[in-house]
C-alpha cells in the first residue's frame, strides 16, 4: 500500500494561513513561524523501513527532512487526485492546512484517512467540512485521533501507534493483544 503524509514542519501563527482550491495550496509563510520537528519524519522512516512507498507533502520541507520516495514542498504546491487515490493518508499538518488536506483526501478517493488531531480540534474542523459539503457519513470514516491506544507519549511512540494501526487495517488485524487473540489462558485449562 502506498502512503501519503500531509504535514508541516512550520507552525501557523494563525488558523490555517492558506489560500486553496481543489488541487492546490498557497501557504502564507509570513503567518508561519519557526521550524519544528513533527512526527512525520519518524513516520516516513518507519514506513520506508517496512517497505512502503511514501509521499510527503510539506510546504516547509528541506532536502534532508524525510526518508520518502517523493517530497512535495514549497509555499505553493499542487496535489492532483491521483496522488491520494486508493492510498492510506496520514494528516499531521499542525493547523497549517488541516481542512484542505482532509477534504483533498476524501474527494480524491483515499482508501483510509488517519488524522493526528485532538477531539477538541476535530469538532472545529468537522464543522467546517460539513459546511463545505462533506457528508457526516464520509467524516465518520476518518481515523481521528490516528493510531492505536498504546499509551504513547513521545513523537516516536505516537508514530509507532500510527504505523501499528496501518498494519492492522492493511492486514485485517484486530489491534488486540496477541495473548487474547491466540488464547494464551486456555492452555492452563488443558494443563489441568
N, C-alpha and C. Protein backbone atom coordinates (compact mmCIF):
# COMPACT_ATOMS: atom_id res chain seq x y z
N UNK A 1 0.86 -1.17 0.00
CA UNK A 1 0.00 0.00 0.00
C UNK A 1 0.90 1.24 0.00
N UNK A 2 0.53 2.20 -0.82
CA UNK A 2 1.24 3.48 -0.85
C UNK A 2 0.66 4.39 0.22
N UNK A 3 1.53 5.24 0.78
CA UNK A 3 1.12 6.12 1.86
C UNK A 3 1.48 7.56 1.53
N UNK A 4 0.56 8.47 1.83
CA UNK A 4 0.79 9.90 1.67
C UNK A 4 0.71 10.53 3.05
N UNK A 5 1.71 11.34 3.38
CA UNK A 5 1.73 12.06 4.65
C UNK A 5 1.62 13.56 4.35
N UNK A 6 0.51 14.17 4.75
CA UNK A 6 0.38 15.63 4.69
C UNK A 6 0.88 16.15 6.02
N UNK A 7 1.85 17.06 5.99
CA UNK A 7 2.43 17.55 7.23
C UNK A 7 2.91 18.98 7.05
N UNK A 8 3.44 19.54 8.11
CA UNK A 8 4.03 20.88 8.07
C UNK A 8 5.11 20.95 9.12
N UNK A 9 6.33 21.26 8.69
CA UNK A 9 7.40 21.41 9.67
C UNK A 9 7.52 22.86 10.13
N UNK A 10 6.60 23.72 9.67
CA UNK A 10 6.46 25.07 10.20
C UNK A 10 5.15 25.15 10.97
N UNK A 11 5.06 26.03 11.92
CA UNK A 11 3.84 26.16 12.70
C UNK A 11 3.10 27.44 12.35
N UNK A 12 1.78 27.35 12.32
CA UNK A 12 0.95 28.50 11.97
C UNK A 12 0.77 29.42 13.17
N UNK A 13 0.93 30.73 12.94
CA UNK A 13 0.63 31.72 13.99
C UNK A 13 -0.86 31.98 14.07
N UNK A 14 -1.54 31.82 12.92
CA UNK A 14 -2.99 31.98 12.86
C UNK A 14 -3.59 30.70 12.30
N UNK A 15 -4.89 30.58 12.45
CA UNK A 15 -5.61 29.40 11.98
C UNK A 15 -5.53 29.24 10.46
N UNK A 16 -4.97 28.16 9.99
CA UNK A 16 -4.89 27.77 8.58
C UNK A 16 -4.59 28.95 7.64
N UNK A 17 -3.34 29.42 7.63
CA UNK A 17 -2.96 30.56 6.79
C UNK A 17 -2.72 30.16 5.33
N UNK A 18 -3.78 29.69 4.66
CA UNK A 18 -3.64 29.20 3.30
C UNK A 18 -4.74 29.74 2.39
N UNK A 19 -4.42 29.76 1.11
CA UNK A 19 -5.38 30.02 0.05
C UNK A 19 -5.39 28.74 -0.77
N UNK A 20 -6.57 28.19 -1.04
CA UNK A 20 -6.57 26.91 -1.71
C UNK A 20 -7.79 26.73 -2.60
N UNK A 21 -7.62 25.82 -3.56
CA UNK A 21 -8.73 25.32 -4.34
C UNK A 21 -8.64 23.79 -4.28
N UNK A 22 -9.37 23.11 -5.12
CA UNK A 22 -9.43 21.64 -5.01
C UNK A 22 -8.07 20.96 -5.07
N UNK A 23 -7.17 21.42 -5.92
CA UNK A 23 -5.90 20.73 -6.13
C UNK A 23 -4.66 21.47 -5.64
N UNK A 24 -4.79 22.73 -5.26
CA UNK A 24 -3.58 23.48 -4.94
C UNK A 24 -3.73 24.28 -3.65
N UNK A 25 -2.56 24.54 -3.07
CA UNK A 25 -2.47 25.28 -1.82
C UNK A 25 -1.36 26.32 -1.95
N UNK A 26 -1.64 27.51 -1.44
CA UNK A 26 -0.61 28.53 -1.30
C UNK A 26 -0.58 28.90 0.18
N UNK A 27 0.56 28.68 0.81
CA UNK A 27 0.72 28.95 2.23
C UNK A 27 1.27 30.37 2.38
N UNK A 28 0.64 31.14 3.25
CA UNK A 28 1.16 32.46 3.59
C UNK A 28 2.23 32.24 4.65
N UNK A 29 3.48 32.13 4.19
CA UNK A 29 4.59 31.83 5.10
C UNK A 29 4.85 32.94 6.10
N UNK A 30 4.36 34.14 5.82
CA UNK A 30 4.54 35.23 6.78
C UNK A 30 3.72 34.99 8.05
N UNK A 31 2.73 34.10 7.96
CA UNK A 31 1.89 33.76 9.11
C UNK A 31 2.31 32.46 9.78
N UNK A 32 3.47 31.96 9.40
CA UNK A 32 4.01 30.74 9.98
C UNK A 32 5.36 31.05 10.59
N UNK A 33 5.65 30.37 11.67
CA UNK A 33 6.89 30.65 12.39
C UNK A 33 7.71 29.38 12.55
N UNK A 34 9.00 29.59 12.67
CA UNK A 34 9.90 28.53 13.08
C UNK A 34 9.93 27.30 12.22
N UNK A 35 10.73 26.40 12.64
CA UNK A 35 10.84 25.10 12.01
C UNK A 35 10.87 24.12 13.17
N UNK A 36 9.96 23.22 13.20
CA UNK A 36 9.92 22.30 14.32
C UNK A 36 9.77 20.88 13.82
N UNK A 37 10.22 19.99 14.62
CA UNK A 37 10.14 18.57 14.28
C UNK A 37 8.74 18.08 14.62
N UNK A 38 8.16 17.34 13.71
CA UNK A 38 6.87 16.71 13.98
C UNK A 38 7.06 15.21 13.88
N UNK A 39 5.99 14.48 13.97
CA UNK A 39 6.10 13.03 13.87
C UNK A 39 6.31 12.55 12.44
N UNK A 40 6.10 13.41 11.46
CA UNK A 40 6.17 12.99 10.05
C UNK A 40 7.52 12.41 9.64
N UNK A 41 8.67 13.00 10.02
CA UNK A 41 9.93 12.36 9.63
C UNK A 41 10.09 10.96 10.24
N UNK A 42 9.60 10.79 11.45
CA UNK A 42 9.67 9.49 12.11
C UNK A 42 8.76 8.49 11.39
N UNK A 43 7.53 8.95 11.09
CA UNK A 43 6.59 8.10 10.34
C UNK A 43 7.17 7.67 9.01
N UNK A 44 7.72 8.62 8.26
CA UNK A 44 8.24 8.27 6.93
C UNK A 44 9.39 7.27 7.05
N UNK A 45 10.24 7.42 8.05
CA UNK A 45 11.35 6.48 8.25
C UNK A 45 10.83 5.08 8.60
N UNK A 46 9.90 5.00 9.57
CA UNK A 46 9.32 3.70 9.94
C UNK A 46 8.67 3.03 8.72
N UNK A 47 7.90 3.80 7.99
CA UNK A 47 7.16 3.24 6.84
C UNK A 47 8.10 2.79 5.73
N UNK A 48 9.15 3.58 5.46
CA UNK A 48 10.13 3.16 4.44
C UNK A 48 10.84 1.89 4.89
N UNK A 49 11.17 1.79 6.18
CA UNK A 49 11.81 0.58 6.70
C UNK A 49 10.93 -0.65 6.49
N UNK A 50 9.62 -0.45 6.51
CA UNK A 50 8.68 -1.56 6.31
C UNK A 50 8.38 -1.82 4.83
N UNK A 51 8.96 -1.03 3.94
CA UNK A 51 8.82 -1.27 2.50
C UNK A 51 7.70 -0.53 1.81
N UNK A 52 7.08 0.42 2.48
CA UNK A 52 6.01 1.19 1.85
C UNK A 52 6.58 2.26 0.92
N UNK A 53 5.81 2.61 -0.09
CA UNK A 53 6.13 3.76 -0.93
C UNK A 53 5.51 4.97 -0.23
N UNK A 54 6.32 5.98 0.07
CA UNK A 54 5.88 7.11 0.87
C UNK A 54 6.04 8.42 0.09
N UNK A 55 4.95 9.19 0.06
CA UNK A 55 4.97 10.55 -0.47
C UNK A 55 4.68 11.49 0.69
N UNK A 56 5.51 12.52 0.85
CA UNK A 56 5.32 13.51 1.90
C UNK A 56 4.99 14.85 1.26
N UNK A 57 3.97 15.52 1.79
CA UNK A 57 3.62 16.87 1.37
C UNK A 57 3.89 17.78 2.56
N UNK A 58 4.90 18.66 2.42
CA UNK A 58 5.28 19.58 3.49
C UNK A 58 5.78 20.87 2.86
N UNK A 59 5.00 21.97 2.99
CA UNK A 59 5.42 23.22 2.37
C UNK A 59 6.78 23.72 2.86
N UNK A 60 7.22 23.31 4.04
CA UNK A 60 8.46 23.82 4.62
C UNK A 60 9.60 22.81 4.58
N UNK A 61 9.44 21.72 3.86
CA UNK A 61 10.45 20.66 3.84
C UNK A 61 11.76 21.17 3.28
N UNK A 62 12.84 20.61 3.84
CA UNK A 62 14.15 20.84 3.23
C UNK A 62 14.55 19.53 2.56
N UNK A 63 15.75 19.49 2.03
CA UNK A 63 16.16 18.32 1.26
C UNK A 63 16.55 17.11 2.10
N UNK A 64 16.61 17.25 3.42
CA UNK A 64 17.06 16.14 4.25
C UNK A 64 16.05 15.72 5.33
N UNK A 65 14.86 16.31 5.34
CA UNK A 65 13.90 16.05 6.42
C UNK A 65 13.29 14.66 6.40
N UNK A 66 13.12 14.09 5.23
CA UNK A 66 12.30 12.88 5.12
C UNK A 66 12.99 11.78 4.34
N UNK A 67 12.76 10.55 4.82
CA UNK A 67 13.08 9.37 4.02
C UNK A 67 11.78 9.05 3.29
N UNK A 68 11.70 9.45 2.03
CA UNK A 68 10.46 9.28 1.26
C UNK A 68 10.80 9.09 -0.20
N UNK A 69 9.86 8.52 -0.94
CA UNK A 69 10.04 8.34 -2.38
C UNK A 69 9.83 9.65 -3.12
N UNK A 70 8.98 10.51 -2.55
CA UNK A 70 8.70 11.81 -3.15
C UNK A 70 8.36 12.80 -2.05
N UNK A 71 8.85 14.03 -2.19
CA UNK A 71 8.51 15.10 -1.27
C UNK A 71 7.97 16.26 -2.09
N UNK A 72 6.73 16.65 -1.80
CA UNK A 72 6.11 17.81 -2.45
C UNK A 72 6.25 18.96 -1.47
N UNK A 73 6.92 20.05 -1.91
CA UNK A 73 7.22 21.14 -1.00
C UNK A 73 7.08 22.48 -1.70
N UNK A 74 7.22 23.54 -0.90
CA UNK A 74 7.14 24.90 -1.41
C UNK A 74 5.88 25.59 -0.93
N UNK A 75 5.90 26.92 -0.91
CA UNK A 75 4.74 27.64 -0.40
C UNK A 75 3.54 27.56 -1.32
N UNK A 76 3.74 27.14 -2.56
CA UNK A 76 2.64 26.84 -3.49
C UNK A 76 2.87 25.43 -4.02
N UNK A 77 1.86 24.59 -3.89
CA UNK A 77 2.01 23.23 -4.41
C UNK A 77 0.67 22.70 -4.89
N UNK A 78 0.74 21.72 -5.78
CA UNK A 78 -0.44 21.06 -6.31
C UNK A 78 -0.42 19.59 -5.91
N UNK A 79 -1.60 19.09 -5.60
CA UNK A 79 -1.75 17.67 -5.29
C UNK A 79 -2.96 17.18 -6.07
N UNK A 80 -2.74 16.63 -7.27
CA UNK A 80 -3.87 16.08 -8.02
C UNK A 80 -4.45 14.85 -7.32
N UNK A 81 -5.69 14.51 -7.65
CA UNK A 81 -6.37 13.38 -7.02
C UNK A 81 -5.56 12.09 -7.10
N UNK A 82 -4.80 11.88 -8.19
CA UNK A 82 -4.04 10.64 -8.36
C UNK A 82 -3.03 10.43 -7.22
N UNK A 83 -2.59 11.50 -6.59
CA UNK A 83 -1.61 11.36 -5.51
C UNK A 83 -2.23 10.65 -4.30
N UNK A 84 -3.51 10.90 -4.02
CA UNK A 84 -4.16 10.30 -2.85
C UNK A 84 -5.08 9.13 -3.17
N UNK A 85 -5.48 8.98 -4.41
CA UNK A 85 -6.45 7.94 -4.78
C UNK A 85 -5.95 6.55 -4.37
N UNK A 86 -6.80 5.86 -3.62
CA UNK A 86 -6.54 4.49 -3.16
C UNK A 86 -5.32 4.37 -2.25
N UNK A 87 -4.89 5.46 -1.65
CA UNK A 87 -3.72 5.45 -0.76
C UNK A 87 -4.19 5.55 0.70
N UNK A 88 -3.31 5.18 1.61
CA UNK A 88 -3.51 5.42 3.03
C UNK A 88 -2.93 6.80 3.29
N UNK A 89 -3.74 7.72 3.78
CA UNK A 89 -3.29 9.10 4.00
C UNK A 89 -3.20 9.37 5.50
N UNK A 90 -2.10 9.99 5.89
CA UNK A 90 -1.91 10.44 7.27
C UNK A 90 -1.82 11.96 7.22
N UNK A 91 -2.62 12.63 8.04
CA UNK A 91 -2.62 14.09 8.08
C UNK A 91 -2.12 14.55 9.44
N UNK A 92 -1.01 15.29 9.41
CA UNK A 92 -0.40 15.83 10.62
C UNK A 92 0.12 17.23 10.29
N UNK A 93 -0.81 18.12 9.95
CA UNK A 93 -0.43 19.42 9.38
C UNK A 93 -0.27 20.55 10.37
N UNK A 94 -0.49 20.29 11.64
CA UNK A 94 -0.23 21.26 12.70
C UNK A 94 -0.96 22.59 12.49
N UNK A 95 -2.22 22.50 12.09
CA UNK A 95 -3.11 23.64 11.91
C UNK A 95 -2.77 24.52 10.71
N UNK A 96 -1.82 24.09 9.87
CA UNK A 96 -1.47 24.92 8.72
C UNK A 96 -2.47 24.71 7.59
N UNK A 97 -2.83 23.45 7.28
CA UNK A 97 -3.81 23.21 6.22
C UNK A 97 -4.63 21.95 6.49
N UNK A 98 -5.09 21.78 7.72
CA UNK A 98 -5.89 20.62 8.13
C UNK A 98 -7.12 20.41 7.26
N UNK A 99 -7.94 21.45 7.16
CA UNK A 99 -9.22 21.33 6.45
C UNK A 99 -9.00 20.91 5.01
N UNK A 100 -8.08 21.57 4.32
CA UNK A 100 -7.83 21.26 2.91
C UNK A 100 -7.32 19.82 2.77
N UNK A 101 -6.39 19.40 3.60
CA UNK A 101 -5.81 18.06 3.47
C UNK A 101 -6.88 16.97 3.66
N UNK A 102 -7.77 17.18 4.62
CA UNK A 102 -8.84 16.20 4.82
C UNK A 102 -9.79 16.20 3.63
N UNK A 103 -10.19 17.39 3.18
CA UNK A 103 -11.10 17.48 2.04
C UNK A 103 -10.47 16.87 0.79
N UNK A 104 -9.19 17.18 0.52
CA UNK A 104 -8.48 16.64 -0.64
C UNK A 104 -8.46 15.12 -0.57
N UNK A 105 -8.20 14.58 0.61
CA UNK A 105 -8.11 13.13 0.76
C UNK A 105 -9.46 12.45 0.53
N UNK A 106 -10.53 13.05 1.05
CA UNK A 106 -11.87 12.49 0.86
C UNK A 106 -12.27 12.58 -0.61
N UNK A 107 -12.21 13.77 -1.18
CA UNK A 107 -12.65 13.98 -2.56
C UNK A 107 -11.74 13.28 -3.57
N UNK A 108 -10.47 13.10 -3.20
CA UNK A 108 -9.52 12.43 -4.09
C UNK A 108 -9.60 10.92 -4.04
N UNK A 109 -10.40 10.37 -3.14
CA UNK A 109 -10.62 8.93 -3.10
C UNK A 109 -9.59 8.14 -2.31
N UNK A 110 -9.06 8.71 -1.24
CA UNK A 110 -8.12 7.98 -0.40
C UNK A 110 -8.78 6.73 0.17
N UNK A 111 -8.00 5.67 0.31
CA UNK A 111 -8.51 4.40 0.84
C UNK A 111 -8.80 4.52 2.34
N UNK A 112 -7.88 5.10 3.08
CA UNK A 112 -8.01 5.32 4.52
C UNK A 112 -7.44 6.70 4.83
N UNK A 113 -8.00 7.37 5.83
CA UNK A 113 -7.51 8.69 6.21
C UNK A 113 -7.38 8.72 7.73
N UNK A 114 -6.14 8.88 8.20
CA UNK A 114 -5.85 8.98 9.62
C UNK A 114 -5.37 10.40 9.91
N UNK A 115 -5.92 11.01 10.94
CA UNK A 115 -5.61 12.41 11.22
C UNK A 115 -5.05 12.54 12.64
N UNK A 116 -3.87 13.14 12.74
CA UNK A 116 -3.25 13.41 14.04
C UNK A 116 -3.88 14.71 14.53
N UNK A 117 -4.86 14.56 15.43
CA UNK A 117 -5.65 15.72 15.85
C UNK A 117 -6.41 15.35 17.12
N UNK A 118 -6.55 16.33 17.99
CA UNK A 118 -7.33 16.11 19.20
C UNK A 118 -8.82 16.11 18.86
N UNK A 119 -9.62 15.54 19.72
CA UNK A 119 -11.08 15.55 19.54
C UNK A 119 -11.59 16.99 19.59
N UNK A 120 -11.03 17.81 20.45
CA UNK A 120 -11.43 19.22 20.55
C UNK A 120 -11.21 19.91 19.20
N UNK A 121 -10.04 19.73 18.61
CA UNK A 121 -9.75 20.32 17.30
C UNK A 121 -10.64 19.71 16.21
N UNK A 122 -10.90 18.42 16.30
CA UNK A 122 -11.73 17.74 15.30
C UNK A 122 -13.13 18.35 15.22
N UNK A 123 -13.69 18.77 16.36
CA UNK A 123 -15.02 19.39 16.35
C UNK A 123 -15.04 20.63 15.47
N UNK A 124 -14.01 21.44 15.54
CA UNK A 124 -13.90 22.67 14.73
C UNK A 124 -13.79 22.32 13.25
N UNK A 125 -12.89 21.40 12.94
CA UNK A 125 -12.63 21.04 11.54
C UNK A 125 -13.83 20.30 10.93
N UNK A 126 -14.48 19.41 11.68
CA UNK A 126 -15.64 18.69 11.14
C UNK A 126 -16.76 19.66 10.78
N UNK A 127 -16.96 20.66 11.60
CA UNK A 127 -17.98 21.67 11.32
C UNK A 127 -17.67 22.37 9.99
N UNK A 128 -16.42 22.75 9.79
CA UNK A 128 -16.02 23.39 8.53
C UNK A 128 -16.26 22.48 7.33
N UNK A 129 -15.91 21.22 7.49
CA UNK A 129 -16.05 20.27 6.38
C UNK A 129 -17.52 20.02 6.04
N UNK A 130 -18.36 19.95 7.05
CA UNK A 130 -19.80 19.79 6.81
C UNK A 130 -20.34 21.02 6.06
N UNK A 131 -19.92 22.20 6.48
CA UNK A 131 -20.33 23.43 5.81
C UNK A 131 -19.84 23.47 4.36
N UNK A 132 -18.72 22.80 4.09
CA UNK A 132 -18.17 22.76 2.73
C UNK A 132 -18.82 21.66 1.87
N UNK A 133 -19.75 20.89 2.46
CA UNK A 133 -20.47 19.90 1.69
C UNK A 133 -20.02 18.46 1.85
N UNK A 134 -19.10 18.19 2.76
CA UNK A 134 -18.68 16.81 3.02
C UNK A 134 -19.72 16.19 3.95
N UNK A 135 -20.16 14.98 3.62
CA UNK A 135 -21.22 14.34 4.41
C UNK A 135 -20.69 13.80 5.73
N UNK A 136 -21.59 13.71 6.69
CA UNK A 136 -21.24 13.15 8.00
C UNK A 136 -20.80 11.70 7.84
N UNK A 137 -21.41 10.95 6.92
CA UNK A 137 -21.02 9.56 6.69
C UNK A 137 -19.56 9.47 6.25
N UNK A 138 -19.13 10.38 5.37
CA UNK A 138 -17.73 10.39 4.93
C UNK A 138 -16.81 10.74 6.10
N UNK A 139 -17.22 11.69 6.92
CA UNK A 139 -16.39 12.13 8.03
C UNK A 139 -16.27 11.06 9.13
N UNK A 140 -17.30 10.26 9.31
CA UNK A 140 -17.26 9.21 10.33
C UNK A 140 -16.21 8.14 10.02
N UNK A 141 -15.78 8.04 8.76
CA UNK A 141 -14.77 7.06 8.36
C UNK A 141 -13.35 7.48 8.73
N UNK A 142 -13.17 8.76 9.07
CA UNK A 142 -11.85 9.26 9.41
C UNK A 142 -11.34 8.59 10.69
N UNK A 143 -10.04 8.37 10.76
CA UNK A 143 -9.41 7.81 11.94
C UNK A 143 -8.81 8.97 12.74
N UNK A 144 -9.64 9.51 13.65
CA UNK A 144 -9.23 10.65 14.48
C UNK A 144 -9.48 10.29 15.94
N UNK A 145 -8.49 10.40 16.80
CA UNK A 145 -7.07 10.61 16.51
C UNK A 145 -6.45 9.36 15.90
N UNK A 146 -5.43 9.57 15.08
CA UNK A 146 -4.74 8.47 14.40
C UNK A 146 -4.01 7.60 15.42
N UNK A 147 -3.93 6.31 15.13
CA UNK A 147 -3.12 5.40 15.92
C UNK A 147 -3.92 4.51 16.86
N UNK A 148 -3.23 3.54 17.41
CA UNK A 148 -3.81 2.63 18.40
C UNK A 148 -3.44 3.12 19.80
N UNK A 149 -4.27 2.80 20.76
CA UNK A 149 -4.03 3.20 22.14
C UNK A 149 -2.97 2.30 22.76
N UNK A 150 -1.73 2.79 22.74
CA UNK A 150 -0.63 2.06 23.37
C UNK A 150 -0.02 2.88 24.51
N UNK A 151 -0.69 3.97 24.86
CA UNK A 151 -0.16 4.83 25.92
C UNK A 151 0.99 5.70 25.44
N UNK A 152 1.05 5.97 24.14
CA UNK A 152 2.15 6.73 23.55
C UNK A 152 2.24 8.13 24.13
N UNK A 153 3.47 8.57 24.36
CA UNK A 153 3.72 9.91 24.88
C UNK A 153 4.67 10.69 23.96
N UNK A 154 5.76 10.09 23.54
CA UNK A 154 6.75 10.77 22.70
C UNK A 154 6.34 10.70 21.23
N UNK A 155 6.98 11.53 20.41
CA UNK A 155 6.71 11.51 18.97
C UNK A 155 6.99 10.14 18.36
N UNK A 156 8.07 9.48 18.79
CA UNK A 156 8.40 8.15 18.27
C UNK A 156 7.31 7.14 18.64
N UNK A 157 6.80 7.23 19.85
CA UNK A 157 5.75 6.31 20.29
C UNK A 157 4.44 6.57 19.56
N UNK A 158 4.12 7.84 19.35
CA UNK A 158 2.90 8.19 18.59
C UNK A 158 3.01 7.67 17.17
N UNK A 159 4.17 7.87 16.55
CA UNK A 159 4.39 7.35 15.19
C UNK A 159 4.25 5.84 15.16
N UNK A 160 4.79 5.17 16.16
CA UNK A 160 4.68 3.70 16.23
C UNK A 160 3.22 3.28 16.33
N UNK A 161 2.41 4.00 17.12
CA UNK A 161 0.99 3.65 17.25
C UNK A 161 0.25 3.83 15.93
N UNK A 162 0.65 4.83 15.14
CA UNK A 162 0.02 5.07 13.84
C UNK A 162 0.43 3.97 12.86
N UNK A 163 1.70 3.60 12.85
CA UNK A 163 2.16 2.52 11.98
C UNK A 163 1.48 1.20 12.37
N UNK A 164 1.31 0.95 13.65
CA UNK A 164 0.62 -0.27 14.10
C UNK A 164 -0.82 -0.29 13.59
N UNK A 165 -1.49 0.87 13.62
CA UNK A 165 -2.86 0.94 13.11
C UNK A 165 -2.89 0.68 11.60
N UNK A 166 -1.92 1.24 10.87
CA UNK A 166 -1.86 1.00 9.42
C UNK A 166 -1.72 -0.50 9.15
N UNK A 167 -0.82 -1.16 9.85
CA UNK A 167 -0.64 -2.61 9.66
C UNK A 167 -1.90 -3.37 10.00
N UNK A 168 -2.56 -3.00 11.09
CA UNK A 168 -3.80 -3.68 11.48
C UNK A 168 -4.87 -3.52 10.41
N UNK A 169 -5.00 -2.32 9.88
CA UNK A 169 -6.01 -2.06 8.83
C UNK A 169 -5.66 -2.83 7.56
N UNK A 170 -4.41 -2.74 7.14
CA UNK A 170 -4.00 -3.38 5.89
C UNK A 170 -4.11 -4.90 5.95
N UNK A 171 -3.79 -5.48 7.09
CA UNK A 171 -3.74 -6.93 7.18
C UNK A 171 -4.92 -7.55 7.91
N UNK A 172 -5.89 -6.71 8.29
CA UNK A 172 -7.08 -7.22 8.94
C UNK A 172 -6.88 -7.62 10.38
N UNK A 173 -5.89 -7.04 11.03
CA UNK A 173 -5.64 -7.32 12.44
C UNK A 173 -6.66 -6.62 13.32
N UNK A 174 -6.80 -7.12 14.54
CA UNK A 174 -7.79 -6.55 15.46
C UNK A 174 -7.22 -5.42 16.31
N UNK A 175 -5.90 -5.35 16.47
CA UNK A 175 -5.31 -4.38 17.37
C UNK A 175 -5.36 -4.83 18.83
N UNK A 176 -5.88 -6.03 19.07
CA UNK A 176 -5.96 -6.56 20.43
C UNK A 176 -4.65 -7.26 20.79
N UNK A 177 -4.38 -7.45 22.08
CA UNK A 177 -3.17 -8.17 22.48
C UNK A 177 -3.17 -9.59 21.92
N UNK A 178 -2.02 -10.05 21.46
CA UNK A 178 -1.91 -11.40 20.89
C UNK A 178 -2.26 -12.47 21.91
N UNK A 179 -1.98 -12.23 23.17
CA UNK A 179 -2.30 -13.24 24.20
C UNK A 179 -3.80 -13.51 24.22
N UNK A 180 -4.63 -12.48 23.93
CA UNK A 180 -6.08 -12.68 23.86
C UNK A 180 -6.46 -13.37 22.56
N UNK A 181 -5.89 -12.89 21.46
CA UNK A 181 -6.24 -13.44 20.14
C UNK A 181 -5.86 -14.92 20.05
N UNK A 182 -4.69 -15.28 20.57
CA UNK A 182 -4.20 -16.66 20.47
C UNK A 182 -4.70 -17.56 21.60
N UNK A 183 -5.37 -16.98 22.59
CA UNK A 183 -5.95 -17.79 23.66
C UNK A 183 -4.95 -18.35 24.64
N UNK A 184 -3.98 -17.55 25.04
CA UNK A 184 -2.94 -18.00 25.98
C UNK A 184 -3.52 -18.65 27.22
N UNK A 185 -4.53 -18.07 27.83
CA UNK A 185 -5.05 -18.60 29.10
C UNK A 185 -5.70 -19.97 28.94
N UNK A 186 -6.10 -20.32 27.74
CA UNK A 186 -6.72 -21.63 27.52
C UNK A 186 -5.75 -22.78 27.76
N UNK A 187 -4.45 -22.54 27.60
CA UNK A 187 -3.50 -23.64 27.81
C UNK A 187 -3.51 -24.13 29.25
N UNK A 188 -3.90 -23.27 30.18
CA UNK A 188 -3.92 -23.69 31.57
C UNK A 188 -5.08 -24.64 31.85
N UNK A 189 -6.16 -24.49 31.09
CA UNK A 189 -7.28 -25.43 31.22
C UNK A 189 -6.83 -26.80 30.68
N UNK A 190 -6.03 -26.79 29.63
CA UNK A 190 -5.56 -28.03 29.04
C UNK A 190 -4.52 -28.71 29.93
N UNK A 191 -3.82 -27.93 30.76
CA UNK A 191 -2.78 -28.49 31.61
C UNK A 191 -3.32 -29.11 32.90
N UNK A 192 -4.60 -28.89 33.19
CA UNK A 192 -5.20 -29.44 34.43
C UNK A 192 -5.37 -30.92 34.34
